[in-house]
Amino acid sequence: MSRKRRSKAAAAAHARRNGIEQAPKPKPSKWQQFWVAIGITIGILIGWVLLATSLFDKAPRTTGGFFSTTEGENFGYYNSSTVYDGEIVPQFTTEAALELTAGLAEMEKAHGICFGWSLTDGKTKKTQAGSSKGRDVPAKQCQRWLETVVTVGYTSDNSTSPDGASVYVQGSSEFRSLPVADDFARLGVNIPALVEDPIAGTGHAALGLPLLMIEAGTLPMVEQTNRQVTPKPLDVVSGSDISGSTWFALYGIGGAAVLCVVLGFWLRSRAKKAA
């Protein structure tokens, strides 16, 4: 073989080797793309579910003792010598006051005792009060009476003192053993709860007082009245109990689910057309 032919043969062999080495990689099929996309969307969906679960599994901030606080929050027992120069404590709305009065009136019928409540602003020293006899009507006008006394004070952002709250019970002379702050904490009424929402905390404490008195043996058990009254928060100032992050997680779960279904049908239709 001549030198010219040998050069041509070598060049042809080199070209074939390059062709083999540079051969394009096979493209993934449409079905492979479909299952990859489904896997990604399912992973996103599982992540949102885990996030929502962790948010709902958080312990409520009103559990534990009266002085219990959550990490990063600064609450303390109300002290009359502390300067509370922050916001003014919210006022009871007419609806909330009437609802609380109606609940206490049912308890007065059951026990024959006037039940009252008061909420004092640690800054202005002004007191909102009411009883089973009505808003702004003190329970002390009755011969037998009990009153749940709440005080809340807010400090300014630049203050070195924490916000404060306190709760105690006063009553007519026949009642010698009265609930203390830690007893109310078992109902969910502690310093963080009162500082966050004084109105709901006061209502909850006032409606829960008869239950604590019965538990301690100070008041006898009575038959259920026609209207069942439970100590529940009234007129929650902070709005919904579900936080914005929780709603975000829920909407994310729904959006991921919809995305998974739509993407799945779209890729499946493309795969069928390409087949």
C-alpha atoms as a PDB file:
ATOM      1  CA  MET A   1       0.000   0.000   0.000  1.00  0.00           C
ATOM      2  CA  SER A   2       1.328   3.378  -0.964  1.00  0.00           C
ATOM      3  CA  ARG A   3       2.060   6.108   1.552  1.00  0.00           C
ATOM      4  CA  LYS A   4      -0.894   8.159   0.255  1.00  0.00           C
ATOM      5  CA  ARG A   5      -3.353   5.326   0.730  1.00  0.00           C
ATOM      6  CA  ARG A   6      -1.993   4.581   4.197  1.00  0.00           C
ATOM      7  CA  SER A   7      -2.557   8.237   5.179  1.00  0.00           C
ATOM      8  CA  LYS A   8      -6.129   8.156   3.907  1.00  0.00           C
ATOM      9  CA  ALA A   9      -6.836   4.906   5.814  1.00  0.00           C
ATOM     10  CA  ALA A  10      -5.358   6.347   9.006  1.00  0.00           C
ATOM     11  CA  ALA A  11      -7.432   9.521   8.598  1.00  0.00           C
ATOM     12  CA  ALA A  12     -10.599   7.488   8.051  1.00  0.00           C
ATOM     13  CA  ALA A  13      -9.904   5.346  11.127  1.00  0.00           C
ATOM     14  CA  HIS A  14      -9.271   8.485  13.209  1.00  0.00           C
ATOM     15  CA  ALA A  15     -12.533   9.999  11.979  1.00  0.00           C
ATOM     16  CA  ARG A  16     -14.455   6.837  12.908  1.00  0.00           C
ATOM     17  CA  ARG A  17     -12.920   6.880  16.405  1.00  0.00           C
ATOM     18  CA  ASN A  18     -13.860  10.537  16.869  1.00  0.00           C
ATOM     19  CA  GLY A  19     -17.362   9.801  15.691  1.00  0.00           C
ATOM     20  CA  ILE A  20     -17.725   7.033  18.215  1.00  0.00           C
ATOM     21  CA  GLU A  21     -16.263   9.141  21.064  1.00  0.00           C
ATOM     22  CA  GLN A  22     -18.432  12.159  20.234  1.00  0.00           C
ATOM     23  CA  ALA A  23     -21.643  10.232  19.703  1.00  0.00           C
ATOM     24  CA  PRO A  24     -24.493  12.065  21.451  1.00  0.00           C
ATOM     25  CA  LYS A  25     -25.745  10.547  24.694  1.00  0.00           C
ATOM     26  CA  PRO A  26     -29.208   9.064  24.517  1.00  0.00           C
ATOM     27  CA  LYS A  27     -31.890  11.525  25.693  1.00  0.00           C
ATOM     28  CA  PRO A  28     -34.117  10.446  28.548  1.00  0.00           C
ATOM     29  CA  SER A  29     -37.553   9.355  27.482  1.00  0.00           C
ATOM     30  CA  LYS A  30     -40.666  11.400  28.160  1.00  0.00           C
ATOM     31  CA  TRP A  31     -41.770   8.881  30.808  1.00  0.00           C
ATOM     32  CA  GLN A  32     -38.440   9.267  32.614  1.00  0.00           C
ATOM     33  CA  GLN A  33     -38.968  13.040  32.687  1.00  0.00           C
ATOM     34  CA  PHE A  34     -42.499  12.455  33.960  1.00  0.00           C
ATOM     35  CA  TRP A  35     -41.413  10.346  36.923  1.00  0.00           C
ATOM     36  CA  VAL A  36     -38.558  12.731  37.809  1.00  0.00           C
ATOM     37  CA  ALA A  37     -41.018  15.632  37.890  1.00  0.00           C
ATOM     38  CA  ILE A  38     -43.462  13.619  40.008  1.00  0.00           C
ATOM     39  CA  GLY A  39     -40.659  12.753  42.449  1.00  0.00           C
ATOM     40  CA  ILE A  40     -39.687  16.414  42.827  1.00  0.00           C
ATOM     41  CA  THR A  41     -43.248  17.576  43.448  1.00  0.00           C
ATOM     42  CA  ILE A  42     -43.869  14.779  45.947  1.00  0.00           C
ATOM     43  CA  GLY A  43     -40.689  15.786  47.779  1.00  0.00           C
ATOM     44  CA  ILE A  44     -41.931  19.392  47.952  1.00  0.00           C
ATOM     45  CA  LEU A  45     -45.304  18.206  49.224  1.00  0.00           C
ATOM     46  CA  ILE A  46     -43.733  16.074  51.965  1.00  0.00           C
ATOM     47  CA  GLY A  47     -41.567  19.026  53.019  1.00  0.00           C
ATOM     48  CA  TRP A  48     -44.611  21.271  53.402  1.00  0.00           C
ATOM     49  CA  VAL A  49     -46.434  18.596  55.403  1.00  0.00           C
ATOM     50  CA  LEU A  50     -43.504  18.221  57.797  1.00  0.00           C
ATOM     51  CA  LEU A  51     -43.316  22.002  58.202  1.00  0.00           C
ATOM     52  CA  ALA A  52     -47.010  22.298  58.990  1.00  0.00           C
ATOM     53  CA  THR A  53     -46.814  19.400  61.436  1.00  0.00           C
ATOM     54  CA  SER A  54     -43.938  21.021  63.297  1.00  0.00           C
ATOM     55  CA  LEU A  55     -45.909  24.278  63.543  1.00  0.00           C
ATOM     56  CA  PHE A  56     -49.031  22.597  64.899  1.00  0.00           C
ATOM     57  CA  ASP A  57     -47.046  20.466  67.342  1.00  0.00           C
ATOM     58  CA  LYS A  58     -45.669  23.506  69.157  1.00  0.00           C
ATOM     59  CA  ALA A  59     -46.659  23.559  72.813  1.00  0.00           C
ATOM     60  CA  PRO A  60     -49.175  26.308  73.595  1.00  0.00           C
ATOM     61  CA  ARG A  61     -47.603  29.297  75.252  1.00  0.00           C
ATOM     62  CA  THR A  62     -50.113  29.263  78.144  1.00  0.00           C
ATOM     63  CA  THR A  63     -49.143  25.943  79.715  1.00  0.00           C
ATOM     64  CA  GLY A  64     -47.154  25.343  82.885  1.00  0.00           C
ATOM     65  CA  GLY A  65     -46.808  27.528  85.958  1.00  0.00           C
ATOM     66  CA  PHE A  66     -47.928  31.133  86.289  1.00  0.00           C
ATOM     67  CA  PHE A  67     -44.379  32.405  85.745  1.00  0.00           C
ATOM     68  CA  SER A  68     -43.659  30.169  82.734  1.00  0.00           C
ATOM     69  CA  THR A  69     -42.397  31.956  79.637  1.00  0.00           C
ATOM     70  CA  THR A  70     -41.351  30.949  76.152  1.00  0.00           C
ATOM     71  CA  GLU A  71     -37.807  31.325  74.861  1.00  0.00           C
ATOM     72  CA  GLY A  72     -36.949  34.840  73.795  1.00  0.00           C
ATOM     73  CA  GLU A  73     -39.908  36.454  75.574  1.00  0.00           C
ATOM     74  CA  ASN A  74     -39.615  38.724  78.575  1.00  0.00           C
ATOM     75  CA  PHE A  75     -42.496  38.607  81.090  1.00  0.00           C
ATOM     76  CA  GLY A  76     -42.617  39.207  84.820  1.00  0.00           C
ATOM     77  CA  TYR A  77     -44.936  39.453  87.785  1.00  0.00           C
ATOM     78  CA  TYR A  78     -46.675  42.828  88.068  1.00  0.00           C
ATOM     79  CA  ASN A  79     -44.864  45.131  90.471  1.00  0.00           C
ATOM     80  CA  SER A  80     -46.471  48.390  91.640  1.00  0.00           C
ATOM     81  CA  SER A  81     -43.046  50.040  91.895  1.00  0.00           C
ATOM     82  CA  THR A  82     -42.194  49.366  88.224  1.00  0.00           C
ATOM     83  CA  VAL A  83     -42.783  52.162  85.712  1.00  0.00           C
ATOM     84  CA  TYR A  84     -45.086  50.782  83.016  1.00  0.00           C
ATOM     85  CA  ASP A  85     -44.640  53.337  80.258  1.00  0.00           C
ATOM     86  CA  GLY A  86     -45.747  51.229  77.295  1.00  0.00           C
ATOM     87  CA  GLU A  87     -49.102  50.772  75.607  1.00  0.00           C
ATOM     88  CA  ILE A  88     -52.438  51.097  77.379  1.00  0.00           C
ATOM     89  CA  VAL A  89     -54.249  47.853  78.199  1.00  0.00           C
ATOM     90  CA  PRO A  90     -57.099  47.143  75.714  1.00  0.00           C
ATOM     91  CA  GLN A  91     -60.669  47.900  76.756  1.00  0.00           C
ATOM     92  CA  PHE A  92     -63.443  45.315  77.021  1.00  0.00           C
ATOM     93  CA  THR A  93     -65.855  45.677  74.134  1.00  0.00           C
ATOM     94  CA  THR A  94     -69.568  45.814  74.913  1.00  0.00           C
ATOM     95  CA  GLU A  95     -70.057  42.374  73.358  1.00  0.00           C
ATOM     96  CA  ALA A  96     -67.269  40.772  75.394  1.00  0.00           C
ATOM     97  CA  ALA A  97     -68.461  42.370  78.637  1.00  0.00           C
ATOM     98  CA  LEU A  98     -72.048  41.212  78.067  1.00  0.00           C
ATOM     99  CA  GLU A  99     -70.927  37.676  77.240  1.00  0.00           C
ATOM    100  CA  LEU A 100     -68.828  37.510  80.394  1.00  0.00           C
ATOM    101  CA  THR A 101     -71.659  38.947  82.493  1.00  0.00           C
ATOM    102  CA  ALA A 102     -74.105  36.363  81.118  1.00  0.00           C
ATOM    103  CA  GLY A 103     -71.741  33.509  81.944  1.00  0.00           C
ATOM    104  CA  LEU A 104     -71.172  34.748  85.489  1.00  0.00           C
ATOM    105  CA  ALA A 105     -74.925  35.267  85.969  1.00  0.00           C
ATOM    106  CA  GLU A 106     -75.507  31.576  85.253  1.00  0.00           C
ATOM    107  CA  MET A 107     -72.899  30.690  87.850  1.00  0.00           C
ATOM    108  CA  GLU A 108     -74.530  33.024  90.366  1.00  0.00           C
ATOM    109  CA  LYS A 109     -77.821  31.168  89.885  1.00  0.00           C
ATOM    110  CA  ALA A 110     -76.072  27.850  90.463  1.00  0.00           C
ATOM    111  CA  HIS A 111     -74.073  28.836  93.558  1.00  0.00           C
ATOM    112  CA  GLY A 112     -75.936  31.787  95.048  1.00  0.00           C
ATOM    113  CA  ILE A 113     -72.770  33.921  94.917  1.00  0.00           C
ATOM    114  CA  CYS A 114     -72.022  37.105  93.004  1.00  0.00           C
ATOM    115  CA  PHE A 115     -68.982  36.560  90.774  1.00  0.00           C
ATOM    116  CA  GLY A 116     -67.032  39.598  89.620  1.00  0.00           C
ATOM    117  CA  TRP A 117     -63.965  40.569  87.625  1.00  0.00           C
ATOM    118  CA  SER A 118     -61.647  43.536  87.273  1.00  0.00           C
ATOM    119  CA  LEU A 119     -58.816  44.438  84.891  1.00  0.00           C
ATOM    120  CA  THR A 120     -56.438  47.233  85.924  1.00  0.00           C
ATOM    121  CA  ASP A 121     -53.998  48.993  83.598  1.00  0.00           C
ATOM    122  CA  GLY A 122     -50.564  49.167  85.234  1.00  0.00           C
ATOM    123  CA  LYS A 123     -49.819  52.420  83.378  1.00  0.00           C
ATOM    124  CA  THR A 124     -52.942  54.508  83.977  1.00  0.00           C
ATOM    125  CA  LYS A 125     -54.156  52.630  87.084  1.00  0.00           C
ATOM    126  CA  LYS A 126     -57.641  52.713  85.548  1.00  0.00           C
ATOM    127  CA  THR A 127     -59.806  49.679  86.222  1.00  0.00           C
ATOM    128  CA  GLN A 128     -62.425  47.985  84.082  1.00  0.00           C
ATOM    129  CA  ALA A 129     -64.828  45.930  86.161  1.00  0.00           C
ATOM    130  CA  GLY A 130     -68.064  43.994  86.134  1.00  0.00           C
ATOM    131  CA  SER A 131     -69.874  41.113  87.747  1.00  0.00           C
ATOM    132  CA  SER A 132     -72.731  38.704  87.375  1.00  0.00           C
ATOM    133  CA  LYS A 133     -74.966  41.733  88.051  1.00  0.00           C
ATOM    134  CA  GLY A 134     -73.718  43.619  85.002  1.00  0.00           C
ATOM    135  CA  ARG A 135     -70.890  45.657  83.508  1.00  0.00           C
ATOM    136  CA  ASP A 136     -69.469  48.290  85.881  1.00  0.00           C
ATOM    137  CA  VAL A 137     -71.483  46.737  88.728  1.00  0.00           C
ATOM    138  CA  PRO A 138     -69.157  45.532  91.540  1.00  0.00           C
ATOM    139  CA  ALA A 139     -69.660  42.097  93.045  1.00  0.00           C
ATOM    140  CA  LYS A 140     -69.080  43.579  96.499  1.00  0.00           C
ATOM    141  CA  GLN A 141     -72.655  44.816  96.620  1.00  0.00           C
ATOM    142  CA  CYS A 142     -73.745  41.244  97.331  1.00  0.00           C
ATOM    143  CA  GLN A 143     -73.521  39.607 100.745  1.00  0.00           C
ATOM    144  CA  ARG A 144     -71.609  36.644  99.325  1.00  0.00           C
ATOM    145  CA  TRP A 145     -69.194  37.507  96.560  1.00  0.00           C
ATOM    146  CA  LEU A 146     -65.969  36.527  94.813  1.00  0.00           C
ATOM    147  CA  GLU A 147     -63.939  38.639  92.405  1.00  0.00           C
ATOM    148  CA  THR A 148     -61.101  37.746  90.038  1.00  0.00           C
ATOM    149  CA  VAL A 149     -58.612  40.630  90.073  1.00  0.00           C
ATOM    150  CA  VAL A 150     -56.219  41.006  87.109  1.00  0.00           C
ATOM    151  CA  THR A 151     -53.544  43.654  86.582  1.00  0.00           C
ATOM    152  CA  VAL A 152     -51.470  44.035  83.405  1.00  0.00           C
ATOM    153  CA  GLY A 153     -48.763  46.582  82.648  1.00  0.00           C
ATOM    154  CA  TYR A 154     -46.753  47.161  79.469  1.00  0.00           C
ATOM    155  CA  THR A 155     -43.287  48.706  79.386  1.00  0.00           C
ATOM    156  CA  SER A 156     -41.758  50.575  76.464  1.00  0.00           C
ATOM    157  CA  ASP A 157     -39.262  49.009  74.072  1.00  0.00           C
ATOM    158  CA  ASN A 158     -36.327  50.853  75.615  1.00  0.00           C
ATOM    159  CA  SER A 159     -37.263  49.947  79.182  1.00  0.00           C
ATOM    160  CA  THR A 160     -35.089  47.526  81.137  1.00  0.00           C
ATOM    161  CA  SER A 161     -38.134  46.180  82.986  1.00  0.00           C
ATOM    162  CA  PRO A 162     -40.355  43.455  81.512  1.00  0.00           C
ATOM    163  CA  ASP A 163     -44.096  43.587  80.933  1.00  0.00           C
ATOM    164  CA  GLY A 164     -45.976  42.394  84.009  1.00  0.00           C
ATOM    165  CA  ALA A 165     -49.213  40.698  85.015  1.00  0.00           C
ATOM    166  CA  SER A 166     -50.856  39.345  88.139  1.00  0.00           C
ATOM    167  CA  VAL A 167     -54.087  37.593  89.114  1.00  0.00           C
ATOM    168  CA  TYR A 168     -55.609  36.890  92.509  1.00  0.00           C
ATOM    169  CA  VAL A 169     -59.028  36.408  94.125  1.00  0.00           C
ATOM    170  CA  GLN A 170     -60.771  38.435  96.798  1.00  0.00           C
ATOM    171  CA  GLY A 171     -64.155  37.791  98.370  1.00  0.00           C
ATOM    172  CA  SER A 172     -66.473  38.103 101.324  1.00  0.00           C
ATOM    173  CA  SER A 173     -65.183  37.109 104.753  1.00  0.00           C
ATOM    174  CA  GLU A 174     -66.633  33.590 104.696  1.00  0.00           C
ATOM    175  CA  PHE A 175     -64.175  32.555 101.970  1.00  0.00           C
ATOM    176  CA  ARG A 176     -60.828  31.981 103.672  1.00  0.00           C
ATOM    177  CA  SER A 177     -59.119  29.607 101.210  1.00  0.00           C
ATOM    178  CA  LEU A 178     -58.931  31.167  97.747  1.00  0.00           C
ATOM    179  CA  PRO A 179     -57.150  30.094  94.536  1.00  0.00           C
ATOM    180  CA  VAL A 180     -53.659  31.449  93.853  1.00  0.00           C
ATOM    181  CA  ALA A 181     -51.888  32.362  90.618  1.00  0.00           C
ATOM    182  CA  ASP A 182     -50.561  28.852  89.921  1.00  0.00           C
ATOM    183  CA  ASP A 183     -54.120  27.481  90.142  1.00  0.00           C
ATOM    184  CA  PHE A 184     -55.153  29.789  87.300  1.00  0.00           C
ATOM    185  CA  ALA A 185     -52.101  28.675  85.321  1.00  0.00           C
ATOM    186  CA  ARG A 186     -53.666  25.202  85.117  1.00  0.00           C
ATOM    187  CA  LEU A 187     -56.545  26.847  83.245  1.00  0.00           C
ATOM    188  CA  GLY A 188     -54.061  28.426  80.822  1.00  0.00           C
ATOM    189  CA  VAL A 189     -54.050  31.819  82.555  1.00  0.00           C
ATOM    190  CA  ASN A 190     -50.425  32.704  83.279  1.00  0.00           C
ATOM    191  CA  ILE A 191     -48.212  35.748  82.756  1.00  0.00           C
ATOM    192  CA  PRO A 192     -47.617  35.224  78.990  1.00  0.00           C
ATOM    193  CA  ALA A 193     -51.351  34.710  78.377  1.00  0.00           C
ATOM    194  CA  LEU A 194     -52.402  37.802  80.325  1.00  0.00           C
ATOM    195  CA  VAL A 195     -49.727  39.987  78.731  1.00  0.00           C
ATOM    196  CA  GLU A 196     -50.596  38.853  75.217  1.00  0.00           C
ATOM    197  CA  ASP A 197     -54.368  39.192  75.620  1.00  0.00           C
ATOM    198  CA  PRO A 198     -55.591  40.754  78.885  1.00  0.00           C
ATOM    199  CA  ILE A 199     -59.262  40.634  77.878  1.00  0.00           C
ATOM    200  CA  ALA A 200     -59.321  36.938  76.993  1.00  0.00           C
ATOM    201  CA  GLY A 201     -57.174  36.098  80.022  1.00  0.00           C
ATOM    202  CA  THR A 202     -59.449  37.996  82.422  1.00  0.00           C
ATOM    203  CA  GLY A 203     -62.575  36.391  80.984  1.00  0.00           C
ATOM    204  CA  HIS A 204     -61.034  32.945  81.131  1.00  0.00           C
ATOM    205  CA  ALA A 205     -59.928  33.427  84.736  1.00  0.00           C
ATOM    206  CA  ALA A 206     -63.299  34.800  85.893  1.00  0.00           C
ATOM    207  CA  LEU A 207     -65.265  31.957  84.294  1.00  0.00           C
ATOM    208  CA  GLY A 208     -62.801  29.382  85.636  1.00  0.00           C
ATOM    209  CA  LEU A 209     -62.889  30.613  89.253  1.00  0.00           C
ATOM    210  CA  PRO A 210     -65.974  28.559  90.278  1.00  0.00           C
ATOM    211  CA  LEU A 211     -64.341  25.417  88.884  1.00  0.00           C
ATOM    212  CA  LEU A 212     -61.229  26.042  90.977  1.00  0.00           C
ATOM    213  CA  MET A 213     -63.374  26.658  94.074  1.00  0.00           C
ATOM    214  CA  ILE A 214     -65.265  23.391  93.502  1.00  0.00           C
ATOM    215  CA  GLU A 215     -62.009  21.531  92.952  1.00  0.00           C
ATOM    216  CA  ALA A 216     -60.664  22.858  96.265  1.00  0.00           C
ATOM    217  CA  GLY A 217     -63.851  21.858  98.084  1.00  0.00           C
ATOM    218  CA  THR A 218     -64.751  25.452  98.945  1.00  0.00           C
ATOM    219  CA  LEU A 219     -67.888  25.338  96.825  1.00  0.00           C
ATOM    220  CA  PRO A 220     -70.176  22.289  96.523  1.00  0.00           C
ATOM    221  CA  MET A 221     -70.971  20.580  93.277  1.00  0.00           C
ATOM    222  CA  VAL A 222     -74.235  21.758  91.750  1.00  0.00           C
ATOM    223  CA  GLU A 223     -76.540  20.431  89.064  1.00  0.00           C
ATOM    224  CA  GLN A 224     -75.961  21.649  85.542  1.00  0.00           C
ATOM    225  CA  THR A 225     -77.962  24.725  84.633  1.00  0.00           C
ATOM    226  CA  ASN A 226     -79.882  25.036  81.387  1.00  0.00           C
ATOM    227  CA  ARG A 227     -76.963  26.914  79.885  1.00  0.00           C
ATOM    228  CA  GLN A 228     -73.584  25.267  80.067  1.00  0.00           C
ATOM    229  CA  VAL A 229     -70.828  27.771  80.783  1.00  0.00           C
ATOM    230  CA  THR A 230     -67.183  26.966  80.111  1.00  0.00           C
ATOM    231  CA  PRO A 231     -64.120  29.136  80.790  1.00  0.00           C
ATOM    232  CA  LYS A 232     -63.155  30.130  77.265  1.00  0.00           C
ATOM    233  CA  PRO A 233     -61.220  33.160  76.023  1.00  0.00           C
ATOM    234  CA  LEU A 234     -63.441  36.108  75.072  1.00  0.00           C
ATOM    235  CA  ASP A 235     -62.901  38.598  72.254  1.00  0.00           C
ATOM    236  CA  VAL A 236     -59.324  37.584  71.443  1.00  0.00           C
ATOM    237  CA  VAL A 237     -57.429  40.766  70.625  1.00  0.00           C
ATOM    238  CA  SER A 238     -54.745  39.061  68.556  1.00  0.00           C
ATOM    239  CA  GLY A 239     -57.306  37.616  66.111  1.00  0.00           C
ATOM    240  CA  SER A 240     -56.962  34.071  64.802  1.00  0.00           C
ATOM    241  CA  ASP A 241     -55.108  31.529  66.927  1.00  0.00           C
ATOM    242  CA  ILE A 242     -53.425  30.231  63.757  1.00  0.00           C
ATOM    243  CA  SER A 243     -50.247  32.128  62.983  1.00  0.00           C
ATOM    244  CA  GLY A 244     -49.360  33.552  59.602  1.00  0.00           C
ATOM    245  CA  SER A 245     -46.574  31.006  59.165  1.00  0.00           C
ATOM    246  CA  THR A 246     -49.063  28.189  59.742  1.00  0.00           C
ATOM    247  CA  TRP A 247     -51.444  29.551  57.114  1.00  0.00           C
ATOM    248  CA  PHE A 248     -48.482  29.908  54.744  1.00  0.00           C
ATOM    249  CA  ALA A 249     -47.616  26.246  55.289  1.00  0.00           C
ATOM    250  CA  LEU A 250     -51.205  25.137  54.679  1.00  0.00           C
ATOM    251  CA  TYR A 251     -51.490  27.140  51.481  1.00  0.00           C
ATOM    252  CA  GLY A 252     -48.128  25.726  50.404  1.00  0.00           C
ATOM    253  CA  ILE A 253     -49.367  22.168  50.913  1.00  0.00           C
ATOM    254  CA  GLY A 254     -52.430  22.847  48.807  1.00  0.00           C
ATOM    255  CA  GLY A 255     -50.420  24.564  46.097  1.00  0.00           C
ATOM    256  CA  ALA A 256     -47.872  21.745  45.934  1.00  0.00           C
ATOM    257  CA  ALA A 257     -50.643  19.163  45.652  1.00  0.00           C
ATOM    258  CA  VAL A 258     -52.322  21.042  42.802  1.00  0.00           C
ATOM    259  CA  LEU A 259     -48.965  21.507  41.059  1.00  0.00           C
ATOM    260  CA  CYS A 260     -48.244  17.794  41.345  1.00  0.00           C
ATOM    261  CA  VAL A 261     -51.562  16.814  39.737  1.00  0.00           C
ATOM    262  CA  VAL A 262     -51.419  19.385  36.926  1.00  0.00           C
ATOM    263  CA  LEU A 263     -47.787  18.654  36.087  1.00  0.00           C
ATOM    264  CA  GLY A 264     -48.456  14.944  36.101  1.00  0.00           C
ATOM    265  CA  PHE A 265     -51.327  15.179  33.607  1.00  0.00           C
ATOM    266  CA  TRP A 266     -49.367  17.575  31.370  1.00  0.00           C
ATOM    267  CA  LEU A 267     -46.262  15.380  31.184  1.00  0.00           C
ATOM    268  CA  ARG A 268     -48.353  12.275  30.659  1.00  0.00           C
ATOM    269  CA  SER A 269     -50.125  13.851  27.702  1.00  0.00           C
ATOM    270  CA  ARG A 270     -46.777  14.875  26.188  1.00  0.00           C
ATOM    271  CA  ALA A 271     -45.423  11.363  26.600  1.00  0.00           C
ATOM    272  CA  LYS A 272     -48.439   9.873  24.840  1.00  0.00           C
ATOM    273  CA  LYS A 273     -48.115  12.295  21.925  1.00  0.00           C
ATOM    274  CA  ALA A 274     -44.389  11.497  21.535  1.00  0.00           C
ATOM    275  CA  ALA A 275     -44.996   7.719  21.624  1.00  0.00           C
END
